[in-house]
Amino acid sequence: MDNETLEFVTYCISKLAQVLKMSQREVYRRLKQSGILYDYIVPSYDVLHTF
């Protein structure tokens, strides 16, 4: 994962944690466990970061 993708993933986790009123660690754990993080967000970075 390159630096830009890592920054985007960090931003997504941070914002989602704020919206859900959860810790960033818990959001990361849930996204990773569900497969959303590495099966959707990371591979779709090129499209998602433009929104």
N, C-alpha and C. Protein backbone atom coordinates (compact mmCIF):
# COMPACT_ATOMS: atom_id res chain seq x y z
N MET A 1 0.86 -1.17 0.00
CA MET A 1 0.00 0.00 0.00
C MET A 1 0.91 1.23 0.00
N ASP A 2 0.65 2.14 -0.92
CA ASP A 2 1.47 3.35 -0.97
C ASP A 2 0.99 4.38 0.05
N ASN A 3 1.73 5.43 0.20
CA ASN A 3 1.47 6.44 1.22
C ASN A 3 0.12 7.13 1.02
N GLU A 4 -0.24 7.44 -0.23
CA GLU A 4 -1.51 8.12 -0.51
C GLU A 4 -2.70 7.24 -0.12
N THR A 5 -2.61 5.97 -0.43
CA THR A 5 -3.68 5.04 -0.07
C THR A 5 -3.78 4.91 1.44
N LEU A 6 -2.65 4.82 2.10
CA LEU A 6 -2.64 4.72 3.56
C LEU A 6 -3.28 5.96 4.20
N GLU A 7 -2.96 7.14 3.69
CA GLU A 7 -3.56 8.37 4.21
C GLU A 7 -5.08 8.37 4.01
N PHE A 8 -5.53 7.89 2.85
CA PHE A 8 -6.96 7.82 2.56
C PHE A 8 -7.66 6.85 3.50
N VAL A 9 -7.08 5.68 3.71
CA VAL A 9 -7.66 4.68 4.60
C VAL A 9 -7.74 5.23 6.02
N THR A 10 -6.69 5.90 6.45
CA THR A 10 -6.67 6.51 7.79
C THR A 10 -7.77 7.56 7.92
N TYR A 11 -7.94 8.37 6.89
CA TYR A 11 -8.99 9.39 6.88
C TYR A 11 -10.38 8.72 6.97
N CYS A 12 -10.60 7.69 6.18
CA CYS A 12 -11.89 6.99 6.18
C CYS A 12 -12.20 6.42 7.56
N ILE A 13 -11.22 5.78 8.16
CA ILE A 13 -11.41 5.20 9.49
C ILE A 13 -11.72 6.28 10.50
N SER A 14 -10.99 7.38 10.45
CA SER A 14 -11.19 8.48 11.39
C SER A 14 -12.59 9.07 11.27
N LYS A 15 -13.02 9.35 10.04
CA LYS A 15 -14.34 9.96 9.84
C LYS A 15 -15.45 9.00 10.22
N LEU A 16 -15.31 7.73 9.87
CA LEU A 16 -16.33 6.76 10.23
C LEU A 16 -16.43 6.60 11.74
N ALA A 17 -15.30 6.63 12.42
CA ALA A 17 -15.30 6.54 13.89
C ALA A 17 -16.03 7.73 14.50
N GLN A 18 -15.84 8.91 13.93
CA GLN A 18 -16.55 10.10 14.43
C GLN A 18 -18.05 9.96 14.24
N VAL A 19 -18.46 9.55 13.06
CA VAL A 19 -19.89 9.42 12.76
C VAL A 19 -20.55 8.37 13.63
N LEU A 20 -19.87 7.25 13.83
CA LEU A 20 -20.43 6.14 14.61
C LEU A 20 -20.18 6.27 16.11
N LYS A 21 -19.40 7.30 16.49
CA LYS A 21 -19.05 7.51 17.89
C LYS A 21 -18.40 6.25 18.48
N MET A 22 -17.40 5.76 17.73
CA MET A 22 -16.65 4.58 18.14
C MET A 22 -15.16 4.93 18.08
N SER A 23 -14.35 4.09 18.69
CA SER A 23 -12.92 4.31 18.60
C SER A 23 -12.43 3.94 17.20
N GLN A 24 -11.35 4.58 16.80
CA GLN A 24 -10.77 4.26 15.50
C GLN A 24 -10.28 2.82 15.47
N ARG A 25 -9.78 2.35 16.58
CA ARG A 25 -9.31 0.96 16.66
C ARG A 25 -10.45 -0.02 16.38
N GLU A 26 -11.63 0.26 16.96
CA GLU A 26 -12.78 -0.63 16.77
C GLU A 26 -13.28 -0.57 15.32
N VAL A 27 -13.30 0.61 14.76
CA VAL A 27 -13.72 0.75 13.35
C VAL A 27 -12.76 -0.02 12.45
N TYR A 28 -11.47 0.14 12.68
CA TYR A 28 -10.48 -0.60 11.90
C TYR A 28 -10.69 -2.10 12.04
N ARG A 29 -10.89 -2.57 13.26
CA ARG A 29 -11.08 -4.00 13.50
C ARG A 29 -12.29 -4.52 12.73
N ARG A 30 -13.38 -3.77 12.79
CA ARG A 30 -14.61 -4.22 12.12
C ARG A 30 -14.48 -4.18 10.60
N LEU A 31 -13.84 -3.14 10.07
CA LEU A 31 -13.65 -3.07 8.62
C LEU A 31 -12.75 -4.19 8.14
N LYS A 32 -11.70 -4.46 8.89
CA LYS A 32 -10.77 -5.53 8.53
C LYS A 32 -11.46 -6.89 8.61
N GLN A 33 -12.18 -7.12 9.71
CA GLN A 33 -12.84 -8.41 9.92
C GLN A 33 -13.89 -8.68 8.85
N SER A 34 -14.61 -7.66 8.44
CA SER A 34 -15.66 -7.84 7.44
C SER A 34 -15.13 -7.97 6.02
N GLY A 35 -13.87 -7.61 5.83
CA GLY A 35 -13.28 -7.67 4.49
C GLY A 35 -13.44 -6.38 3.71
N ILE A 36 -14.19 -5.45 4.23
CA ILE A 36 -14.44 -4.19 3.52
C ILE A 36 -13.14 -3.42 3.31
N LEU A 37 -12.27 -3.43 4.29
CA LEU A 37 -11.06 -2.63 4.21
C LEU A 37 -10.15 -3.07 3.07
N TYR A 38 -9.76 -4.34 3.07
CA TYR A 38 -8.78 -4.81 2.08
C TYR A 38 -9.40 -5.39 0.82
N ASP A 39 -10.70 -5.66 0.83
CA ASP A 39 -11.36 -6.19 -0.37
C ASP A 39 -12.12 -5.12 -1.14
N TYR A 40 -12.35 -3.95 -0.52
CA TYR A 40 -13.11 -2.90 -1.20
C TYR A 40 -12.41 -1.53 -1.14
N ILE A 41 -12.15 -1.03 0.06
CA ILE A 41 -11.63 0.33 0.18
C ILE A 41 -10.24 0.46 -0.45
N VAL A 42 -9.32 -0.40 -0.07
CA VAL A 42 -7.96 -0.30 -0.61
C VAL A 42 -7.93 -0.53 -2.13
N PRO A 43 -8.54 -1.59 -2.66
CA PRO A 43 -8.49 -1.77 -4.11
C PRO A 43 -9.24 -0.69 -4.89
N SER A 44 -10.21 -0.05 -4.27
CA SER A 44 -11.02 0.97 -4.95
C SER A 44 -10.54 2.39 -4.68
N TYR A 45 -9.36 2.52 -4.11
CA TYR A 45 -8.83 3.84 -3.75
C TYR A 45 -8.93 4.84 -4.90
N ASP A 46 -8.51 4.44 -6.09
CA ASP A 46 -8.49 5.36 -7.23
C ASP A 46 -9.85 6.00 -7.49
N VAL A 47 -10.90 5.25 -7.32
CA VAL A 47 -12.24 5.76 -7.55
C VAL A 47 -12.77 6.49 -6.31
N LEU A 48 -12.61 5.88 -5.15
CA LEU A 48 -13.19 6.42 -3.92
C LEU A 48 -12.61 7.75 -3.50
N HIS A 49 -11.31 7.97 -3.70
CA HIS A 49 -10.72 9.20 -3.18
C HIS A 49 -11.15 10.45 -3.96
N THR A 50 -11.82 10.25 -5.07
CA THR A 50 -12.29 11.41 -5.85
C THR A 50 -13.61 11.96 -5.33
N PHE A 51 -14.28 11.24 -4.44
CA PHE A 51 -15.58 11.69 -3.93
C PHE A 51 -15.44 12.70 -2.86
